Amino acid sequence: MRIAFLIPSMEAGGAERVAAILCNQWVKKGHEVNLMTYEEEGTSSAYELDSRVRIHQLGLHHKKATVISFLLKNLKRILKFRKALSQLKPDIVVSFMVETNVAAVLASLRKDWSVVISERVHPGFCPIGKMRSALRVLTYGLADAVVVQTSDIAKWMENSLKITPLIFPNPIDLNAKVLTETNTKMGTGKKVVAGGRLSFQKGFDFLIDAFSRVADKNPSWTLSIYGDGPELENLKNRAKKLGLKDRVEFQGIVPDLRSRLSQCDLFVHSARYEGYP
């Protein structure tokens, strides 16, 4: 089967990690997998991809704009997606995240392939603006299937969009090393670890503030945050302002966060909302 997988980017993030897992697994099962993103050609993926996954970087990222500019640029995206998909002739198009979901549906109108779209966060807690919300209402019902991760998100879809989605939790890597007492090194008992995309959603600002409230009474403890994203500099400045420059460590992206978790004493999940906590 020929699969086209659409996602805005393959930067560090939960949706991108799941996309990599699915693409790698499908290609191992003998399917032709084409991964299409808005990124510029040559942009590297934060997650390892099988060499057989065909990557198409369409150079369609754009910054925030006026309503007219937004509509024109998204029309360009849809037309370019439609052209690329028409040349590819996939059996199925799979899309993650609202901006590519809308584009995938509109680019596939009157085409023979099936379209499966997926929300990766709880829409009820993730504001996307009136324009994107309206486009979601208009287009999601046209997809052949809509996939969500939890029953709560499914209920939101049923109530807000009048559609009945399929529920598929995040995949589990069965080949991942299991953390047990025999392979877990607890470190010194003084390390707090958190990880994820450095965005407003993930609440690392909350975490740094909370850590600052206990830091003086626990001078030997440190906080390590793994990941990358648009809030990196703001978070660094926040830690510096609170006098935690040497206590809060920004470790960037690592290929195996599980191994780092095995060496910590406390893991904190500080997100404001999630698709699949």
C-alpha atoms as a PDB file:
ATOM      1  CA  MET A   1       0.000   0.000   0.000  1.00  0.00           C
ATOM      2  CA  ARG A   2       1.202   3.490  -0.800  1.00  0.00           C
ATOM      3  CA  ILE A   3       0.832   5.815   2.193  1.00  0.00           C
ATOM      4  CA  ALA A   4       1.229   9.594   2.271  1.00  0.00           C
ATOM      5  CA  PHE A   5       1.778  10.929   5.794  1.00  0.00           C
ATOM      6  CA  LEU A   6       1.266  14.669   6.324  1.00  0.00           C
ATOM      7  CA  ILE A   7       2.544  16.594   9.354  1.00  0.00           C
ATOM      8  CA  PRO A   8       3.759  20.219   9.681  1.00  0.00           C
ATOM      9  CA  SER A   9       7.290  19.267  10.745  1.00  0.00           C
ATOM     10  CA  MET A  10       9.442  16.563  12.295  1.00  0.00           C
ATOM     11  CA  GLU A  11      10.856  18.754  15.057  1.00  0.00           C
ATOM     12  CA  ALA A  12      10.869  17.524  18.651  1.00  0.00           C
ATOM     13  CA  GLY A  13       7.371  16.764  19.900  1.00  0.00           C
ATOM     14  CA  GLY A  14       4.957  14.016  20.820  1.00  0.00           C
ATOM     15  CA  ALA A  15       3.037  14.002  17.534  1.00  0.00           C
ATOM     16  CA  GLU A  16       6.290  13.885  15.600  1.00  0.00           C
ATOM     17  CA  ARG A  17       7.594  10.991  17.700  1.00  0.00           C
ATOM     18  CA  VAL A  18       4.419   8.995  17.027  1.00  0.00           C
ATOM     19  CA  ALA A  19       4.647   9.862  13.325  1.00  0.00           C
ATOM     20  CA  ALA A  20       8.181   8.441  13.213  1.00  0.00           C
ATOM     21  CA  ILE A  21       7.091   5.249  14.997  1.00  0.00           C
ATOM     22  CA  LEU A  22       4.201   4.705  12.577  1.00  0.00           C
ATOM     23  CA  CYS A  23       6.193   5.484   9.428  1.00  0.00           C
ATOM     24  CA  ASN A  24       9.018   3.172  10.480  1.00  0.00           C
ATOM     25  CA  GLN A  25       6.638   0.353  11.356  1.00  0.00           C
ATOM     26  CA  TRP A  26       4.624   0.654   8.143  1.00  0.00           C
ATOM     27  CA  VAL A  27       7.694   0.632   5.929  1.00  0.00           C
ATOM     28  CA  LYS A  28       8.993  -2.453   7.773  1.00  0.00           C
ATOM     29  CA  LYS A  29       5.722  -4.175   6.910  1.00  0.00           C
ATOM     30  CA  GLY A  30       6.387  -3.565   3.229  1.00  0.00           C
ATOM     31  CA  HIS A  31       4.301  -0.459   2.595  1.00  0.00           C
ATOM     32  CA  GLU A  32       5.581   2.509   0.609  1.00  0.00           C
ATOM     33  CA  VAL A  33       5.638   5.447   3.022  1.00  0.00           C
ATOM     34  CA  ASN A  34       5.939   9.067   1.902  1.00  0.00           C
ATOM     35  CA  LEU A  35       6.391  11.598   4.714  1.00  0.00           C
ATOM     36  CA  MET A  36       5.374  15.123   3.669  1.00  0.00           C
ATOM     37  CA  THR A  37       6.101  18.227   5.781  1.00  0.00           C
ATOM     38  CA  TYR A  38       5.985  22.021   5.495  1.00  0.00           C
ATOM     39  CA  GLU A  39       9.713  22.216   6.233  1.00  0.00           C
ATOM     40  CA  GLU A  40      12.463  23.502   3.990  1.00  0.00           C
ATOM     41  CA  GLU A  41      14.403  20.882   2.056  1.00  0.00           C
ATOM     42  CA  GLY A  42      17.298  19.480   4.062  1.00  0.00           C
ATOM     43  CA  THR A  43      15.740  20.051   7.498  1.00  0.00           C
ATOM     44  CA  SER A  44      16.682  17.166   9.771  1.00  0.00           C
ATOM     45  CA  SER A  45      14.187  15.097  11.752  1.00  0.00           C
ATOM     46  CA  ALA A  46      14.371  15.033  15.548  1.00  0.00           C
ATOM     47  CA  TYR A  47      13.513  11.325  15.389  1.00  0.00           C
ATOM     48  CA  GLU A  48      15.194   8.494  13.545  1.00  0.00           C
ATOM     49  CA  LEU A  49      13.460   7.495  10.328  1.00  0.00           C
ATOM     50  CA  ASP A  50      13.975   4.288   8.392  1.00  0.00           C
ATOM     51  CA  SER A  51      16.005   4.985   5.253  1.00  0.00           C
ATOM     52  CA  ARG A  52      13.139   3.549   3.186  1.00  0.00           C
ATOM     53  CA  VAL A  53      10.759   6.315   4.304  1.00  0.00           C
ATOM     54  CA  ARG A  54      10.565   8.810   1.435  1.00  0.00           C
ATOM     55  CA  ILE A  55      10.736  12.380   2.727  1.00  0.00           C
ATOM     56  CA  HIS A  56       9.087  15.280   0.875  1.00  0.00           C
ATOM     57  CA  GLN A  57       9.827  18.724   2.354  1.00  0.00           C
ATOM     58  CA  LEU A  58       7.609  21.241   0.600  1.00  0.00           C
ATOM     59  CA  GLY A  59       8.938  24.533   2.009  1.00  0.00           C
ATOM     60  CA  LEU A  60       5.528  25.777   3.106  1.00  0.00           C
ATOM     61  CA  HIS A  61       6.160  27.106   6.610  1.00  0.00           C
ATOM     62  CA  HIS A  62       5.015  30.685   7.128  1.00  0.00           C
ATOM     63  CA  LYS A  63       4.807  33.131  10.020  1.00  0.00           C
ATOM     64  CA  LYS A  64       1.662  34.589  11.568  1.00  0.00           C
ATOM     65  CA  ALA A  65      -0.119  36.901   9.176  1.00  0.00           C
ATOM     66  CA  THR A  66      -3.285  38.902   8.518  1.00  0.00           C
ATOM     67  CA  VAL A  67      -6.515  37.089   7.688  1.00  0.00           C
ATOM     68  CA  ILE A  68      -6.113  37.700   3.951  1.00  0.00           C
ATOM     69  CA  SER A  69      -2.466  36.627   3.968  1.00  0.00           C
ATOM     70  CA  PHE A  70      -3.385  33.566   6.061  1.00  0.00           C
ATOM     71  CA  LEU A  71      -6.022  32.493   3.541  1.00  0.00           C
ATOM     72  CA  LEU A  72      -3.766  33.062   0.535  1.00  0.00           C
ATOM     73  CA  LYS A  73      -0.829  31.182   2.026  1.00  0.00           C
ATOM     74  CA  ASN A  74      -3.015  28.282   3.078  1.00  0.00           C
ATOM     75  CA  LEU A  75      -4.547  28.144  -0.380  1.00  0.00           C
ATOM     76  CA  LYS A  76      -0.990  27.830  -1.700  1.00  0.00           C
ATOM     77  CA  ARG A  77      -0.380  24.981   0.742  1.00  0.00           C
ATOM     78  CA  ILE A  78      -3.524  23.160  -0.340  1.00  0.00           C
ATOM     79  CA  LEU A  79      -2.720  23.510  -4.035  1.00  0.00           C
ATOM     80  CA  LYS A  80       0.857  22.321  -3.533  1.00  0.00           C
ATOM     81  CA  PHE A  81      -0.321  19.375  -1.425  1.00  0.00           C
ATOM     82  CA  ARG A  82      -2.896  18.498  -4.078  1.00  0.00           C
ATOM     83  CA  LYS A  83      -0.289  18.593  -6.833  1.00  0.00           C
ATOM     84  CA  ALA A  84       2.179  16.491  -4.832  1.00  0.00           C
ATOM     85  CA  LEU A  85      -0.482  13.956  -3.874  1.00  0.00           C
ATOM     86  CA  SER A  86      -1.798  13.754  -7.440  1.00  0.00           C
ATOM     87  CA  GLN A  87       1.706  12.899  -8.644  1.00  0.00           C
ATOM     88  CA  LEU A  88       2.184  10.395  -5.831  1.00  0.00           C
ATOM     89  CA  LYS A  89      -1.217   8.684  -6.236  1.00  0.00           C
ATOM     90  CA  PRO A  90      -1.395   7.252  -2.694  1.00  0.00           C
ATOM     91  CA  ASP A  91      -3.890   4.659  -1.546  1.00  0.00           C
ATOM     92  CA  ILE A  92      -4.369   6.561   1.689  1.00  0.00           C
ATOM     93  CA  VAL A  93      -3.448   9.951   3.143  1.00  0.00           C
ATOM     94  CA  VAL A  94      -2.805  10.125   6.893  1.00  0.00           C
ATOM     95  CA  SER A  95      -2.515  13.530   8.548  1.00  0.00           C
ATOM     96  CA  PHE A  96      -1.590  14.735  12.040  1.00  0.00           C
ATOM     97  CA  MET A  97      -2.520  18.116  13.578  1.00  0.00           C
ATOM     98  CA  VAL A  98      -5.199  20.592  12.636  1.00  0.00           C
ATOM     99  CA  GLU A  99      -3.374  22.723  10.051  1.00  0.00           C
ATOM    100  CA  THR A 100      -2.333  19.740   7.939  1.00  0.00           C
ATOM    101  CA  ASN A 101      -5.634  17.967   8.608  1.00  0.00           C
ATOM    102  CA  VAL A 102      -7.573  20.802   6.986  1.00  0.00           C
ATOM    103  CA  ALA A 103      -5.119  20.945   4.076  1.00  0.00           C
ATOM    104  CA  ALA A 104      -5.220  17.152   3.619  1.00  0.00           C
ATOM    105  CA  VAL A 105      -9.013  17.104   3.392  1.00  0.00           C
ATOM    106  CA  LEU A 106      -9.290  20.041   0.990  1.00  0.00           C
ATOM    107  CA  ALA A 107      -6.387  18.821  -1.167  1.00  0.00           C
ATOM    108  CA  SER A 108      -8.121  15.455  -1.511  1.00  0.00           C
ATOM    109  CA  LEU A 109     -11.558  16.620  -2.660  1.00  0.00           C
ATOM    110  CA  ARG A 110     -12.795  14.520  -5.611  1.00  0.00           C
ATOM    111  CA  LYS A 111      -9.740  12.276  -5.440  1.00  0.00           C
ATOM    112  CA  ASP A 112      -9.725   8.483  -5.213  1.00  0.00           C
ATOM    113  CA  TRP A 113      -7.578   8.007  -2.117  1.00  0.00           C
ATOM    114  CA  SER A 114      -8.883   7.721   1.448  1.00  0.00           C
ATOM    115  CA  VAL A 115      -8.136  10.406   4.042  1.00  0.00           C
ATOM    116  CA  VAL A 116      -7.544   9.697   7.737  1.00  0.00           C
ATOM    117  CA  ILE A 117      -6.892  12.688   9.995  1.00  0.00           C
ATOM    118  CA  SER A 118      -5.891  12.822  13.653  1.00  0.00           C
ATOM    119  CA  GLU A 119      -5.978  15.376  16.461  1.00  0.00           C
ATOM    120  CA  ARG A 120      -2.979  15.027  18.784  1.00  0.00           C
ATOM    121  CA  VAL A 121      -4.164  17.247  21.661  1.00  0.00           C
ATOM    122  CA  HIS A 122      -7.517  17.789  23.377  1.00  0.00           C
ATOM    123  CA  PRO A 123      -9.176  20.477  21.204  1.00  0.00           C
ATOM    124  CA  GLY A 124     -11.244  21.702  24.131  1.00  0.00           C
ATOM    125  CA  PHE A 125      -8.116  22.930  25.896  1.00  0.00           C
ATOM    126  CA  CYS A 126      -6.082  24.056  22.883  1.00  0.00           C
ATOM    127  CA  PRO A 127      -7.216  27.411  21.430  1.00  0.00           C
ATOM    128  CA  ILE A 128      -6.454  27.724  17.723  1.00  0.00           C
ATOM    129  CA  GLY A 129      -8.336  30.902  16.813  1.00  0.00           C
ATOM    130  CA  LYS A 130     -11.668  31.498  15.095  1.00  0.00           C
ATOM    131  CA  MET A 131     -10.371  30.953  11.562  1.00  0.00           C
ATOM    132  CA  ARG A 132      -8.787  27.551  12.196  1.00  0.00           C
ATOM    133  CA  SER A 133     -11.725  26.495  14.358  1.00  0.00           C
ATOM    134  CA  ALA A 134     -14.141  27.311  11.536  1.00  0.00           C
ATOM    135  CA  LEU A 135     -12.030  25.393   9.026  1.00  0.00           C
ATOM    136  CA  ARG A 136     -11.961  22.390  11.363  1.00  0.00           C
ATOM    137  CA  VAL A 137     -15.760  22.434  11.635  1.00  0.00           C
ATOM    138  CA  LEU A 138     -16.129  22.663   7.854  1.00  0.00           C
ATOM    139  CA  THR A 139     -13.622  19.977   6.882  1.00  0.00           C
ATOM    140  CA  TYR A 140     -13.350  17.227   9.498  1.00  0.00           C
ATOM    141  CA  GLY A 141     -16.662  15.646   8.547  1.00  0.00           C
ATOM    142  CA  LEU A 142     -15.370  15.207   4.978  1.00  0.00           C
ATOM    143  CA  ALA A 143     -12.536  12.879   6.046  1.00  0.00           C
ATOM    144  CA  ASP A 144     -13.007   9.124   5.720  1.00  0.00           C
ATOM    145  CA  ALA A 145     -11.967   8.712   9.354  1.00  0.00           C
ATOM    146  CA  VAL A 146     -10.950  10.898  12.281  1.00  0.00           C
ATOM    147  CA  VAL A 147      -8.653   9.408  14.924  1.00  0.00           C
ATOM    148  CA  VAL A 148      -8.249  10.609  18.509  1.00  0.00           C
ATOM    149  CA  GLN A 149      -6.339   9.200  21.479  1.00  0.00           C
ATOM    150  CA  THR A 150      -8.874   9.145  24.311  1.00  0.00           C
ATOM    151  CA  SER A 151     -12.593   8.772  24.994  1.00  0.00           C
ATOM    152  CA  ASP A 152     -12.715  12.332  26.390  1.00  0.00           C
ATOM    153  CA  ILE A 153     -11.480  13.751  23.084  1.00  0.00           C
ATOM    154  CA  ALA A 154     -13.963  11.539  21.234  1.00  0.00           C
ATOM    155  CA  LYS A 155     -16.820  12.966  23.320  1.00  0.00           C
ATOM    156  CA  TRP A 156     -15.630  16.489  22.536  1.00  0.00           C
ATOM    157  CA  MET A 157     -15.641  15.658  18.811  1.00  0.00           C
ATOM    158  CA  GLU A 158     -19.136  14.190  19.018  1.00  0.00           C
ATOM    159  CA  ASN A 159     -20.508  17.216  20.865  1.00  0.00           C
ATOM    160  CA  SER A 160     -18.624  19.982  19.050  1.00  0.00           C
ATOM    161  CA  LEU A 161     -18.176  18.651  15.514  1.00  0.00           C
ATOM    162  CA  LYS A 162     -20.999  16.091  15.344  1.00  0.00           C
ATOM    163  CA  ILE A 163     -18.660  13.330  14.183  1.00  0.00           C
ATOM    164  CA  THR A 164     -17.812   9.961  15.718  1.00  0.00           C
ATOM    165  CA  PRO A 165     -14.036   9.438  15.720  1.00  0.00           C
ATOM    166  CA  LEU A 166     -12.025   6.270  16.172  1.00  0.00           C
ATOM    167  CA  ILE A 167     -10.025   5.966  19.396  1.00  0.00           C
ATOM    168  CA  PHE A 168      -6.415   4.810  19.090  1.00  0.00           C
ATOM    169  CA  PRO A 169      -4.060   5.423  22.050  1.00  0.00           C
ATOM    170  CA  ASN A 170      -0.422   6.198  21.337  1.00  0.00           C
ATOM    171  CA  PRO A 171       1.649   3.223  20.150  1.00  0.00           C
ATOM    172  CA  ILE A 172       4.104   1.446  22.421  1.00  0.00           C
ATOM    173  CA  ASP A 173       7.581   0.512  21.222  1.00  0.00           C
ATOM    174  CA  LEU A 174       7.750  -3.186  22.111  1.00  0.00           C
ATOM    175  CA  ASN A 175      11.483  -3.203  21.405  1.00  0.00           C
ATOM    176  CA  ALA A 176      12.245  -0.481  23.950  1.00  0.00           C
ATOM    177  CA  LYS A 177      14.392  -1.513  26.879  1.00  0.00           C
ATOM    178  CA  VAL A 178      12.300  -2.084  29.991  1.00  0.00           C
ATOM    179  CA  LEU A 179      13.420  -0.057  33.005  1.00  0.00           C
ATOM    180  CA  THR A 180      13.932  -2.482  35.882  1.00  0.00           C
ATOM    181  CA  GLU A 181      16.044  -2.588  39.017  1.00  0.00           C
ATOM    182  CA  THR A 182      18.763  -4.363  37.054  1.00  0.00           C
ATOM    183  CA  ASN A 183      19.178  -1.590  34.485  1.00  0.00           C
ATOM    184  CA  THR A 184      18.086   1.459  36.484  1.00  0.00           C
ATOM    185  CA  LYS A 185      20.730   3.697  37.969  1.00  0.00           C
ATOM    186  CA  MET A 186      19.155   6.050  40.491  1.00  0.00           C
ATOM    187  CA  GLY A 187      21.948   8.608  40.527  1.00  0.00           C
ATOM    188  CA  THR A 188      22.576  10.638  43.679  1.00  0.00           C
ATOM    189  CA  GLY A 189      18.989  11.184  44.781  1.00  0.00           C
ATOM    190  CA  LYS A 190      19.173  14.853  43.815  1.00  0.00           C
ATOM    191  CA  LYS A 191      17.914  15.110  40.238  1.00  0.00           C
ATOM    192  CA  VAL A 192      14.504  16.185  38.908  1.00  0.00           C
ATOM    193  CA  VAL A 193      13.827  15.497  35.215  1.00  0.00           C
ATOM    194  CA  ALA A 194      11.176  16.731  32.774  1.00  0.00           C
ATOM    195  CA  GLY A 195      10.924  16.454  29.011  1.00  0.00           C
ATOM    196  CA  GLY A 196       8.885  17.580  26.025  1.00  0.00           C
ATOM    197  CA  ARG A 197       8.552  20.295  23.436  1.00  0.00           C
ATOM    198  CA  LEU A 198       9.494  23.644  24.945  1.00  0.00           C
ATOM    199  CA  SER A 199       6.153  25.314  24.312  1.00  0.00           C
ATOM    200  CA  PHE A 200       3.491  27.100  26.366  1.00  0.00           C
ATOM    201  CA  GLN A 201       1.380  23.936  26.423  1.00  0.00           C
ATOM    202  CA  LYS A 202       3.991  21.941  28.316  1.00  0.00           C
ATOM    203  CA  GLY A 203       4.046  24.258  31.342  1.00  0.00           C
ATOM    204  CA  PHE A 204       7.786  24.301  31.971  1.00  0.00           C
ATOM    205  CA  ASP A 205       7.359  27.866  33.239  1.00  0.00           C
ATOM    206  CA  PHE A 206       5.165  26.412  36.010  1.00  0.00           C
ATOM    207  CA  LEU A 207       7.816  23.817  36.734  1.00  0.00           C
ATOM    208  CA  ILE A 208      10.654  26.344  37.021  1.00  0.00           C
ATOM    209  CA  ASP A 209       8.532  28.524  39.315  1.00  0.00           C
ATOM    210  CA  ALA A 210       7.684  25.519  41.497  1.00  0.00           C
ATOM    211  CA  PHE A 211      11.319  24.425  41.631  1.00  0.00           C
ATOM    212  CA  SER A 212      12.344  27.925  42.730  1.00  0.00           C
ATOM    213  CA  ARG A 213      10.055  27.617  45.768  1.00  0.00           C
ATOM    214  CA  VAL A 214      11.889  24.551  47.078  1.00  0.00           C
ATOM    215  CA  ALA A 215      15.385  25.202  45.728  1.00  0.00           C
ATOM    216  CA  ASP A 216      16.708  27.098  48.763  1.00  0.00           C
ATOM    217  CA  LYS A 217      15.692  24.330  51.160  1.00  0.00           C
ATOM    218  CA  ASN A 218      17.173  21.676  48.849  1.00  0.00           C
ATOM    219  CA  PRO A 219      20.462  23.185  47.613  1.00  0.00           C
ATOM    220  CA  SER A 220      21.823  19.907  46.222  1.00  0.00           C
ATOM    221  CA  TRP A 221      18.890  19.281  43.870  1.00  0.00           C
ATOM    222  CA  THR A 222      18.957  20.165  40.151  1.00  0.00           C
ATOM    223  CA  LEU A 223      16.294  20.295  37.458  1.00  0.00           C
ATOM    224  CA  SER A 224      17.069  18.902  33.987  1.00  0.00           C
ATOM    225  CA  ILE A 225      14.680  19.735  31.141  1.00  0.00           C
ATOM    226  CA  TYR A 226      14.998  17.776  27.891  1.00  0.00           C
ATOM    227  CA  GLY A 227      13.628  19.026  24.583  1.00  0.00           C
ATOM    228  CA  ASP A 228      13.627  22.015  22.275  1.00  0.00           C
ATOM    229  CA  GLY A 229      11.078  24.537  21.085  1.00  0.00           C
ATOM    230  CA  PRO A 230      10.011  28.171  20.794  1.00  0.00           C
ATOM    231  CA  GLU A 231      10.048  28.882  24.549  1.00  0.00           C
ATOM    232  CA  LEU A 232      13.691  27.899  25.109  1.00  0.00           C
ATOM    233  CA  GLU A 233      15.095  31.410  25.548  1.00  0.00           C
ATOM    234  CA  ASN A 234      12.135  32.556  27.651  1.00  0.00           C
ATOM    235  CA  LEU A 235      12.601  29.584  29.961  1.00  0.00           C
ATOM    236  CA  LYS A 236      16.338  30.203  30.254  1.00  0.00           C
ATOM    237  CA  ASN A 237      15.678  33.834  31.127  1.00  0.00           C
ATOM    238  CA  ARG A 238      13.064  32.779  33.675  1.00  0.00           C
ATOM    239  CA  ALA A 239      15.516  30.445  35.395  1.00  0.00           C
ATOM    240  CA  LYS A 240      18.196  33.154  35.384  1.00  0.00           C
ATOM    241  CA  LYS A 241      15.798  35.750  36.820  1.00  0.00           C
ATOM    242  CA  LEU A 242      14.928  33.372  39.666  1.00  0.00           C
ATOM    243  CA  GLY A 243      18.602  32.788  40.443  1.00  0.00           C
ATOM    244  CA  LEU A 244      18.524  29.224  39.112  1.00  0.00           C
ATOM    245  CA  LYS A 245      20.895  29.539  36.168  1.00  0.00           C
ATOM    246  CA  ASP A 246      23.214  26.868  37.600  1.00  0.00           C
ATOM    247  CA  ARG A 247      20.412  24.697  38.980  1.00  0.00           C
ATOM    248  CA  VAL A 248      18.160  24.377  35.911  1.00  0.00           C
ATOM    249  CA  GLU A 249      19.834  22.569  33.013  1.00  0.00           C
ATOM    250  CA  PHE A 250      18.448  22.629  29.472  1.00  0.00           C
ATOM    251  CA  GLN A 251      19.683  19.398  27.914  1.00  0.00           C
ATOM    252  CA  GLY A 252      18.240  19.692  24.403  1.00  0.00           C
ATOM    253  CA  ILE A 253      17.003  16.717  22.412  1.00  0.00           C
ATOM    254  CA  VAL A 254      18.327  13.257  23.225  1.00  0.00           C
ATOM    255  CA  PRO A 255      17.642  10.094  21.193  1.00  0.00           C
ATOM    256  CA  ASP A 256      16.614   8.031  24.215  1.00  0.00           C
ATOM    257  CA  LEU A 257      14.941   9.959  27.024  1.00  0.00           C
ATOM    258  CA  ARG A 258      14.146   6.685  28.793  1.00  0.00           C
ATOM    259  CA  SER A 259      17.803   6.163  29.634  1.00  0.00           C
ATOM    260  CA  ARG A 260      17.936   9.628  31.229  1.00  0.00           C
ATOM    261  CA  LEU A 261      14.790   8.924  33.218  1.00  0.00           C
ATOM    262  CA  SER A 262      16.435   5.804  34.609  1.00  0.00           C
ATOM    263  CA  GLN A 263      19.074   8.015  36.225  1.00  0.00           C
ATOM    264  CA  CYS A 264      16.747  10.523  37.891  1.00  0.00           C
ATOM    265  CA  ASP A 265      14.932  10.486  41.211  1.00  0.00           C
ATOM    266  CA  LEU A 266      11.830  12.449  40.314  1.00  0.00           C
ATOM    267  CA  PHE A 267      10.026  12.879  36.994  1.00  0.00           C
ATOM    268  CA  VAL A 268       7.623  15.814  36.665  1.00  0.00           C
ATOM    269  CA  HIS A 269       4.933  16.191  33.992  1.00  0.00           C
ATOM    270  CA  SER A 270       3.907  19.852  34.074  1.00  0.00           C
ATOM    271  CA  ALA A 271       1.800  20.250  30.909  1.00  0.00           C
ATOM    272  CA  ARG A 272      -1.230  22.525  30.934  1.00  0.00           C
ATOM    273  CA  TYR A 273      -3.049  20.000  28.715  1.00  0.00           C
ATOM    274  CA  GLU A 274      -2.215  16.927  26.667  1.00  0.00           C
ATOM    275  CA  GLY A 275      -3.642  14.691  23.993  1.00  0.00           C
ATOM    276  CA  TYR A 276      -2.360  11.593  25.752  1.00  0.00           C
ATOM    277  CA  PRO A 277      -0.716  12.227  29.156  1.00  0.00           C
END
